[in-house]
All heavy atoms as atom14 arrays in JSON, in Angstrom:
{
  "sequence": "AAIVFAFIAAGAGGAMLLYYMGIKPMPLGLNPYNLLRCL",
  "atom14_mask": [
    [1, 1, 1, 1, 1, 0, 0, 0, 0, 0, 0, 0, 0, 0],
    [1, 1, 1, 1, 1, 0, 0, 0, 0, 0, 0, 0, 0, 0],
    [1, 1, 1, 1, 1, 1, 1, 1, 0, 0, 0, 0, 0, 0],
    [1, 1, 1, 1, 1, 1, 1, 0, 0, 0, 0, 0, 0, 0],
    [1, 1, 1, 1, 1, 1, 1, 1, 1, 1, 1, 0, 0, 0],
    [1, 1, 1, 1, 1, 0, 0, 0, 0, 0, 0, 0, 0, 0],
    [1, 1, 1, 1, 1, 1, 1, 1, 1, 1, 1, 0, 0, 0],
    [1, 1, 1, 1, 1, 1, 1, 1, 0, 0, 0, 0, 0, 0],
    [1, 1, 1, 1, 1, 0, 0, 0, 0, 0, 0, 0, 0, 0],
    [1, 1, 1, 1, 1, 0, 0, 0, 0, 0, 0, 0, 0, 0],
    [1, 1, 1, 1, 0, 0, 0, 0, 0, 0, 0, 0, 0, 0],
    [1, 1, 1, 1, 1, 0, 0, 0, 0, 0, 0, 0, 0, 0],
    [1, 1, 1, 1, 0, 0, 0, 0, 0, 0, 0, 0, 0, 0],
    [1, 1, 1, 1, 0, 0, 0, 0, 0, 0, 0, 0, 0, 0],
    [1, 1, 1, 1, 1, 0, 0, 0, 0, 0, 0, 0, 0, 0],
    [1, 1, 1, 1, 1, 1, 1, 1, 0, 0, 0, 0, 0, 0],
    [1, 1, 1, 1, 1, 1, 1, 1, 0, 0, 0, 0, 0, 0],
    [1, 1, 1, 1, 1, 1, 1, 1, 0, 0, 0, 0, 0, 0],
    [1, 1, 1, 1, 1, 1, 1, 1, 1, 1, 1, 1, 0, 0],
    [1, 1, 1, 1, 1, 1, 1, 1, 1, 1, 1, 1, 0, 0],
    [1, 1, 1, 1, 1, 1, 1, 1, 0, 0, 0, 0, 0, 0],
    [1, 1, 1, 1, 0, 0, 0, 0, 0, 0, 0, 0, 0, 0],
    [1, 1, 1, 1, 1, 1, 1, 1, 0, 0, 0, 0, 0, 0],
    [1, 1, 1, 1, 1, 1, 1, 1, 1, 0, 0, 0, 0, 0],
    [1, 1, 1, 1, 1, 1, 1, 0, 0, 0, 0, 0, 0, 0],
    [1, 1, 1, 1, 1, 1, 1, 1, 0, 0, 0, 0, 0, 0],
    [1, 1, 1, 1, 1, 1, 1, 0, 0, 0, 0, 0, 0, 0],
    [1, 1, 1, 1, 1, 1, 1, 1, 0, 0, 0, 0, 0, 0],
    [1, 1, 1, 1, 0, 0, 0, 0, 0, 0, 0, 0, 0, 0],
    [1, 1, 1, 1, 1, 1, 1, 1, 0, 0, 0, 0, 0, 0],
    [1, 1, 1, 1, 1, 1, 1, 1, 0, 0, 0, 0, 0, 0],
    [1, 1, 1, 1, 1, 1, 1, 0, 0, 0, 0, 0, 0, 0],
    [1, 1, 1, 1, 1, 1, 1, 1, 1, 1, 1, 1, 0, 0],
    [1, 1, 1, 1, 1, 1, 1, 1, 0, 0, 0, 0, 0, 0],
    [1, 1, 1, 1, 1, 1, 1, 1, 0, 0, 0, 0, 0, 0],
    [1, 1, 1, 1, 1, 1, 1, 1, 0, 0, 0, 0, 0, 0],
    [1, 1, 1, 1, 1, 1, 1, 1, 1, 1, 1, 0, 0, 0],
    [1, 1, 1, 1, 1, 1, 0, 0, 0, 0, 0, 0, 0, 0],
    [1, 1, 1, 1, 1, 1, 1, 1, 0, 0, 0, 0, 0, 0]
  ],
  "atom14_positions": [
    [[-0.15, -18.66, 5.91], [-0.59, -17.27, 5.82], [0.54, -16.3, 6.11], [0.57, -15.19, 5.55], [-1.76, -17.03, 6.77], [0.0, 0.0, 0.0], [0.0, 0.0, 0.0], [0.0, 0.0, 0.0], [0.0, 0.0, 0.0], [0.0, 0.0, 0.0], [0.0, 0.0, 0.0], [0.0, 0.0, 0.0], [0.0, 0.0, 0.0], [0.0, 0.0, 0.0]],
    [[1.48, -16.69, 6.98], [2.57, -15.78, 7.33], [3.39, -15.41, 6.09], [3.87, -14.28, 5.97], [3.48, -16.42, 8.38], [0.0, 0.0, 0.0], [0.0, 0.0, 0.0], [0.0, 0.0, 0.0], [0.0, 0.0, 0.0], [0.0, 0.0, 0.0], [0.0, 0.0, 0.0], [0.0, 0.0, 0.0], [0.0, 0.0, 0.0], [0.0, 0.0, 0.0]],
    [[3.53, -16.34, 5.15], [4.26, -16.06, 3.92], [3.51, -15.0, 3.11], [4.1, -14.06, 2.56], [4.45, -17.35, 3.1], [5.26, -18.36, 3.9], [5.12, -17.04, 1.76], [5.36, -19.72, 3.24], [0.0, 0.0, 0.0], [0.0, 0.0, 0.0], [0.0, 0.0, 0.0], [0.0, 0.0, 0.0], [0.0, 0.0, 0.0], [0.0, 0.0, 0.0]],
    [[2.18, -15.16, 3.05], [1.37, -14.19, 2.32], [1.48, -12.81, 2.96], [1.58, -11.79, 2.27], [-0.1, -14.65, 2.27], [-0.99, -13.58, 1.66], [-0.21, -15.95, 1.49], [0.0, 0.0, 0.0], [0.0, 0.0, 0.0], [0.0, 0.0, 0.0], [0.0, 0.0, 0.0], [0.0, 0.0, 0.0], [0.0, 0.0, 0.0], [0.0, 0.0, 0.0]],
    [[1.49, -12.78, 4.3], [1.6, -11.49, 4.98], [2.97, -10.85, 4.74], [3.07, -9.62, 4.74], [1.34, -11.65, 6.47], [-0.13, -11.71, 6.81], [-0.72, -12.9, 7.17], [-0.91, -10.57, 6.74], [-2.07, -12.96, 7.48], [-2.26, -10.6, 7.04], [-2.84, -11.81, 7.41], [0.0, 0.0, 0.0], [0.0, 0.0, 0.0], [0.0, 0.0, 0.0]],
    [[3.98, -11.65, 4.51], [5.29, -11.08, 4.16], [5.21, -10.36, 2.82], [5.75, -9.26, 2.65], [6.35, -12.18, 4.11], [0.0, 0.0, 0.0], [0.0, 0.0, 0.0], [0.0, 0.0, 0.0], [0.0, 0.0, 0.0], [0.0, 0.0, 0.0], [0.0, 0.0, 0.0], [0.0, 0.0, 0.0], [0.0, 0.0, 0.0], [0.0, 0.0, 0.0]],
    [[4.49, -10.97, 1.86], [4.31, -10.31, 0.56], [3.41, -9.08, 0.7], [3.64, -8.05, 0.04], [3.7, -11.3, -0.44], [4.68, -12.28, -1.0], [4.72, -13.59, -0.56], [5.6, -11.89, -1.98], [5.63, -14.49, -1.07], [6.52, -12.78, -2.5], [6.54, -14.09, -2.04], [0.0, 0.0, 0.0], [0.0, 0.0, 0.0], [0.0, 0.0, 0.0]],
    [[2.38, -9.17, 1.56], [1.51, -8.01, 1.78], [2.31, -6.86, 2.36], [2.17, -5.7, 1.95], [0.34, -8.38, 2.7], [-0.62, -9.34, 2.0], [-0.41, -7.11, 3.15], [-1.74, -9.83, 2.89], [0.0, 0.0, 0.0], [0.0, 0.0, 0.0], [0.0, 0.0, 0.0], [0.0, 0.0, 0.0], [0.0, 0.0, 0.0], [0.0, 0.0, 0.0]],
    [[3.18, -7.17, 3.34], [4.01, -6.12, 3.96], [4.91, -5.47, 2.92], [5.04, -4.23, 2.87], [4.84, -6.71, 5.1], [0.0, 0.0, 0.0], [0.0, 0.0, 0.0], [0.0, 0.0, 0.0], [0.0, 0.0, 0.0], [0.0, 0.0, 0.0], [0.0, 0.0, 0.0], [0.0, 0.0, 0.0], [0.0, 0.0, 0.0], [0.0, 0.0, 0.0]],
    [[5.52, -6.3, 2.06], [6.4, -5.75, 1.03], [5.62, -4.9, 0.04], [6.04, -3.79, -0.33], [7.11, -6.9, 0.31], [0.0, 0.0, 0.0], [0.0, 0.0, 0.0], [0.0, 0.0, 0.0], [0.0, 0.0, 0.0], [0.0, 0.0, 0.0], [0.0, 0.0, 0.0], [0.0, 0.0, 0.0], [0.0, 0.0, 0.0], [0.0, 0.0, 0.0]],
    [[4.46, -5.4, -0.41], [3.67, -4.66, -1.38], [3.11, -3.37, -0.81], [3.17, -2.31, -1.45], [0.0, 0.0, 0.0], [0.0, 0.0, 0.0], [0.0, 0.0, 0.0], [0.0, 0.0, 0.0], [0.0, 0.0, 0.0], [0.0, 0.0, 0.0], [0.0, 0.0, 0.0], [0.0, 0.0, 0.0], [0.0, 0.0, 0.0], [0.0, 0.0, 0.0]],
    [[2.55, -3.45, 0.41], [1.97, -2.25, 1.03], [3.05, -1.23, 1.35], [2.86, -0.02, 1.15], [1.21, -2.64, 2.3], [0.0, 0.0, 0.0], [0.0, 0.0, 0.0], [0.0, 0.0, 0.0], [0.0, 0.0, 0.0], [0.0, 0.0, 0.0], [0.0, 0.0, 0.0], [0.0, 0.0, 0.0], [0.0, 0.0, 0.0], [0.0, 0.0, 0.0]],
    [[4.21, -1.71, 1.85], [5.3, -0.79, 2.15], [5.8, -0.1, 0.9], [6.05, 1.12, 0.89], [0.0, 0.0, 0.0], [0.0, 0.0, 0.0], [0.0, 0.0, 0.0], [0.0, 0.0, 0.0], [0.0, 0.0, 0.0], [0.0, 0.0, 0.0], [0.0, 0.0, 0.0], [0.0, 0.0, 0.0], [0.0, 0.0, 0.0], [0.0, 0.0, 0.0]],
    [[5.94, -0.85, -0.2], [6.38, -0.24, -1.47], [5.38, 0.77, -1.98], [5.75, 1.84, -2.47], [0.0, 0.0, 0.0], [0.0, 0.0, 0.0], [0.0, 0.0, 0.0], [0.0, 0.0, 0.0], [0.0, 0.0, 0.0], [0.0, 0.0, 0.0], [0.0, 0.0, 0.0], [0.0, 0.0, 0.0], [0.0, 0.0, 0.0], [0.0, 0.0, 0.0]],
    [[4.08, 0.44, -1.88], [3.05, 1.37, -2.33], [3.05, 2.65, -1.5], [2.83, 3.75, -2.02], [1.68, 0.69, -2.27], [0.0, 0.0, 0.0], [0.0, 0.0, 0.0], [0.0, 0.0, 0.0], [0.0, 0.0, 0.0], [0.0, 0.0, 0.0], [0.0, 0.0, 0.0], [0.0, 0.0, 0.0], [0.0, 0.0, 0.0], [0.0, 0.0, 0.0]],
    [[3.31, 2.52, -0.19], [3.38, 3.7, 0.66], [4.54, 4.61, 0.25], [4.4, 5.83, 0.22], [3.53, 3.27, 2.13], [2.26, 2.69, 2.73], [2.59, 1.91, 4.33], [3.24, 3.3, 5.26], [0.0, 0.0, 0.0], [0.0, 0.0, 0.0], [0.0, 0.0, 0.0], [0.0, 0.0, 0.0], [0.0, 0.0, 0.0], [0.0, 0.0, 0.0]],
    [[5.68, 4.01, -0.06], [6.82, 4.81, -0.49], [6.5, 5.57, -1.78], [6.86, 6.74, -1.94], [8.05, 3.92, -0.68], [8.71, 3.43, 0.61], [9.83, 2.45, 0.29], [9.27, 4.6, 1.42], [0.0, 0.0, 0.0], [0.0, 0.0, 0.0], [0.0, 0.0, 0.0], [0.0, 0.0, 0.0], [0.0, 0.0, 0.0], [0.0, 0.0, 0.0]],
    [[5.81, 4.9, -2.71], [5.4, 5.58, -3.95], [4.46, 6.74, -3.62], [4.56, 7.82, -4.22], [4.71, 4.59, -4.88], [5.59, 3.52, -5.52], [4.75, 2.55, -6.34], [6.66, 4.16, -6.41], [0.0, 0.0, 0.0], [0.0, 0.0, 0.0], [0.0, 0.0, 0.0], [0.0, 0.0, 0.0], [0.0, 0.0, 0.0], [0.0, 0.0, 0.0]],
    [[3.57, 6.52, -2.67], [2.64, 7.57, -2.26], [3.4, 8.77, -1.73], [3.09, 9.92, -2.06], [1.69, 7.0, -1.21], [0.55, 7.92, -0.83], [-0.67, 7.83, -1.49], [0.68, 8.86, 0.18], [-1.73, 8.67, -1.15], [-0.36, 9.7, 0.52], [-1.57, 9.59, -0.14], [-2.6, 10.42, 0.19], [0.0, 0.0, 0.0], [0.0, 0.0, 0.0]],
    [[4.41, 8.5, -0.89], [5.22, 9.59, -0.34], [5.99, 10.34, -1.42], [6.29, 11.52, -1.3], [6.21, 9.05, 0.69], [5.57, 8.56, 1.97], [6.05, 7.44, 2.62], [4.49, 9.23, 2.54], [5.48, 6.99, 3.81], [3.91, 8.8, 3.71], [4.41, 7.67, 4.35], [3.84, 7.23, 5.5], [0.0, 0.0, 0.0], [0.0, 0.0, 0.0]],
    [[6.33, 9.62, -2.51], [7.08, 10.23, -3.61], [6.17, 11.02, -4.55], [6.62, 11.58, -5.54], [7.82, 9.14, -4.39], [8.94, 8.48, -3.59], [9.55, 6.95, -4.37], [10.16, 7.6, -5.92], [0.0, 0.0, 0.0], [0.0, 0.0, 0.0], [0.0, 0.0, 0.0], [0.0, 0.0, 0.0], [0.0, 0.0, 0.0], [0.0, 0.0, 0.0]],
    [[4.87, 11.07, -4.25], [3.94, 11.84, -5.05], [3.15, 11.03, -6.04], [2.32, 11.59, -6.79], [0.0, 0.0, 0.0], [0.0, 0.0, 0.0], [0.0, 0.0, 0.0], [0.0, 0.0, 0.0], [0.0, 0.0, 0.0], [0.0, 0.0, 0.0], [0.0, 0.0, 0.0], [0.0, 0.0, 0.0], [0.0, 0.0, 0.0], [0.0, 0.0, 0.0]],
    [[3.4, 9.72, -6.1], [2.64, 8.84, -7.0], [1.46, 8.3, -6.21], [1.6, 7.41, -5.38], [3.52, 7.69, -7.53], [4.76, 8.26, -8.22], [2.74, 6.79, -8.47], [5.78, 7.22, -8.62], [0.0, 0.0, 0.0], [0.0, 0.0, 0.0], [0.0, 0.0, 0.0], [0.0, 0.0, 0.0], [0.0, 0.0, 0.0], [0.0, 0.0, 0.0]],
    [[0.29, 8.87, -6.45], [-0.87, 8.59, -5.6], [-2.06, 8.09, -6.42], [-3.02, 8.82, -6.66], [-1.28, 9.86, -4.83], [-0.16, 10.43, -3.97], [-0.6, 11.71, -3.28], [0.5, 12.28, -2.42], [0.08, 13.52, -1.72], [0.0, 0.0, 0.0], [0.0, 0.0, 0.0], [0.0, 0.0, 0.0], [0.0, 0.0, 0.0], [0.0, 0.0, 0.0]],
    [[-2.0, 6.85, -6.86], [-3.16, 6.31, -7.59], [-4.35, 6.15, -6.65], [-4.21, 5.77, -5.49], [-2.65, 4.94, -8.08], [-1.57, 4.56, -7.12], [-0.92, 5.86, -6.72], [0.0, 0.0, 0.0], [0.0, 0.0, 0.0], [0.0, 0.0, 0.0], [0.0, 0.0, 0.0], [0.0, 0.0, 0.0], [0.0, 0.0, 0.0], [0.0, 0.0, 0.0]],
    [[-5.53, 6.48, -7.17], [-6.75, 6.34, -6.38], [-7.75, 5.52, -7.19], [-8.6, 6.06, -7.91], [-7.33, 7.7, -6.02], [-6.49, 8.48, -5.03], [-7.35, 9.91, -4.36], [-6.09, 10.57, -3.24], [0.0, 0.0, 0.0], [0.0, 0.0, 0.0], [0.0, 0.0, 0.0], [0.0, 0.0, 0.0], [0.0, 0.0, 0.0], [0.0, 0.0, 0.0]],
    [[-7.65, 4.2, -7.11], [-8.57, 3.35, -7.88], [-10.02, 3.6, -7.5], [-10.36, 3.66, -6.31], [-8.13, 1.93, -7.51], [-7.38, 2.08, -6.22], [-6.75, 3.42, -6.27], [0.0, 0.0, 0.0], [0.0, 0.0, 0.0], [0.0, 0.0, 0.0], [0.0, 0.0, 0.0], [0.0, 0.0, 0.0], [0.0, 0.0, 0.0], [0.0, 0.0, 0.0]],
    [[-10.86, 3.77, -8.52], [-12.29, 4.03, -8.32], [-12.53, 5.29, -7.48], [-13.58, 5.44, -6.85], [-12.97, 2.83, -7.65], [-12.83, 1.49, -8.39], [-13.48, 0.37, -7.58], [-13.45, 1.58, -9.77], [0.0, 0.0, 0.0], [0.0, 0.0, 0.0], [0.0, 0.0, 0.0], [0.0, 0.0, 0.0], [0.0, 0.0, 0.0], [0.0, 0.0, 0.0]],
    [[-11.56, 6.2, -7.46], [-11.71, 7.42, -6.69], [-11.53, 7.25, -5.2], [-11.83, 8.17, -4.43], [0.0, 0.0, 0.0], [0.0, 0.0, 0.0], [0.0, 0.0, 0.0], [0.0, 0.0, 0.0], [0.0, 0.0, 0.0], [0.0, 0.0, 0.0], [0.0, 0.0, 0.0], [0.0, 0.0, 0.0], [0.0, 0.0, 0.0], [0.0, 0.0, 0.0]],
    [[-11.03, 6.09, -4.77], [-10.86, 5.82, -3.34], [-9.43, 6.09, -2.92], [-8.49, 5.91, -3.7], [-11.23, 4.36, -3.03], [-12.65, 3.93, -3.4], [-12.85, 2.46, -3.09], [-13.68, 4.78, -2.65], [0.0, 0.0, 0.0], [0.0, 0.0, 0.0], [0.0, 0.0, 0.0], [0.0, 0.0, 0.0], [0.0, 0.0, 0.0], [0.0, 0.0, 0.0]],
    [[-9.26, 6.51, -1.67], [-7.93, 6.77, -1.12], [-7.46, 5.53, -0.36], [-7.99, 5.23, 0.71], [-7.96, 7.98, -0.19], [-6.6, 8.27, 0.41], [-5.59, 7.7, 0.0], [-6.56, 9.16, 1.39], [0.0, 0.0, 0.0], [0.0, 0.0, 0.0], [0.0, 0.0, 0.0], [0.0, 0.0, 0.0], [0.0, 0.0, 0.0], [0.0, 0.0, 0.0]],
    [[-6.47, 4.78, -0.88], [-6.06, 3.53, -0.23], [-4.95, 3.7, 0.79], [-4.55, 2.71, 1.42], [-5.55, 2.7, -1.42], [-4.91, 3.74, -2.31], [-5.75, 5.0, -2.14], [0.0, 0.0, 0.0], [0.0, 0.0, 0.0], [0.0, 0.0, 0.0], [0.0, 0.0, 0.0], [0.0, 0.0, 0.0], [0.0, 0.0, 0.0], [0.0, 0.0, 0.0]],
    [[-4.44, 4.93, 0.99], [-3.21, 5.09, 1.76], [-3.33, 4.54, 3.18], [-2.47, 3.79, 3.64], [-2.8, 6.56, 1.82], [-1.75, 6.81, 2.88], [-0.46, 6.34, 2.72], [-2.07, 7.48, 4.06], [0.5, 6.54, 3.71], [-1.13, 7.67, 5.05], [0.16, 7.21, 4.87], [1.09, 7.37, 5.85], [0.0, 0.0, 0.0], [0.0, 0.0, 0.0]],
    [[-4.37, 4.91, 3.92], [-4.47, 4.48, 5.31], [-4.65, 2.97, 5.43], [-4.14, 2.35, 6.38], [-5.61, 5.21, 6.01], [-5.29, 6.66, 6.29], [-4.13, 7.01, 6.51], [-6.29, 7.52, 6.25], [0.0, 0.0, 0.0], [0.0, 0.0, 0.0], [0.0, 0.0, 0.0], [0.0, 0.0, 0.0], [0.0, 0.0, 0.0], [0.0, 0.0, 0.0]],
    [[-5.37, 2.37, 4.48], [-5.49, 0.91, 4.48], [-4.13, 0.27, 4.24], [-3.77, -0.73, 4.89], [-6.49, 0.46, 3.43], [-6.71, -1.06, 3.32], [-7.24, -1.63, 4.64], [-7.66, -1.39, 2.18], [0.0, 0.0, 0.0], [0.0, 0.0, 0.0], [0.0, 0.0, 0.0], [0.0, 0.0, 0.0], [0.0, 0.0, 0.0], [0.0, 0.0, 0.0]],
    [[-3.35, 0.83, 3.32], [-2.01, 0.3, 3.06], [-1.13, 0.43, 4.31], [-0.37, -0.48, 4.65], [-1.37, 1.06, 1.9], [-1.96, 0.8, 0.51], [-1.36, 1.79, -0.5], [-1.7, -0.63, 0.07], [0.0, 0.0, 0.0], [0.0, 0.0, 0.0], [0.0, 0.0, 0.0], [0.0, 0.0, 0.0], [0.0, 0.0, 0.0], [0.0, 0.0, 0.0]],
    [[-1.25, 1.55, 4.98], [-0.47, 1.77, 6.21], [-0.82, 0.71, 7.26], [0.08, 0.16, 7.91], [-0.76, 3.17, 6.74], [-0.03, 3.53, 8.02], [-0.37, 4.95, 8.44], [0.21, 5.27, 9.74], [0.02, 6.43, 10.38], [-0.74, 7.36, 9.82], [0.57, 6.65, 11.57], [0.0, 0.0, 0.0], [0.0, 0.0, 0.0], [0.0, 0.0, 0.0]],
    [[-2.11, 0.42, 7.4], [-2.53, -0.59, 8.36], [-2.07, -1.97, 7.94], [-1.55, -2.75, 8.75], [-4.05, -0.55, 8.52], [-4.68, -1.72, 9.74], [0.0, 0.0, 0.0], [0.0, 0.0, 0.0], [0.0, 0.0, 0.0], [0.0, 0.0, 0.0], [0.0, 0.0, 0.0], [0.0, 0.0, 0.0], [0.0, 0.0, 0.0], [0.0, 0.0, 0.0]],
    [[-2.26, -2.33, 6.66], [-1.84, -3.64, 6.18], [-0.35, -3.87, 6.38], [0.08, -4.97, 6.75], [-2.21, -3.78, 4.7], [-3.67, -4.07, 4.37], [-3.91, -3.93, 2.87], [-4.06, -5.47, 4.84], [0.0, 0.0, 0.0], [0.0, 0.0, 0.0], [0.0, 0.0, 0.0], [0.0, 0.0, 0.0], [0.0, 0.0, 0.0], [0.0, 0.0, 0.0]]
  ]
}
């Protein structure tokens, strides 16, 4: 699982950077930012 969490950290961190750059996808109208921050 630790390997998977390494990929989760990379993916969530990258998505957060995109969010900060103004790219803010909201699938199904939901705001995923805080979940990404926690993950």
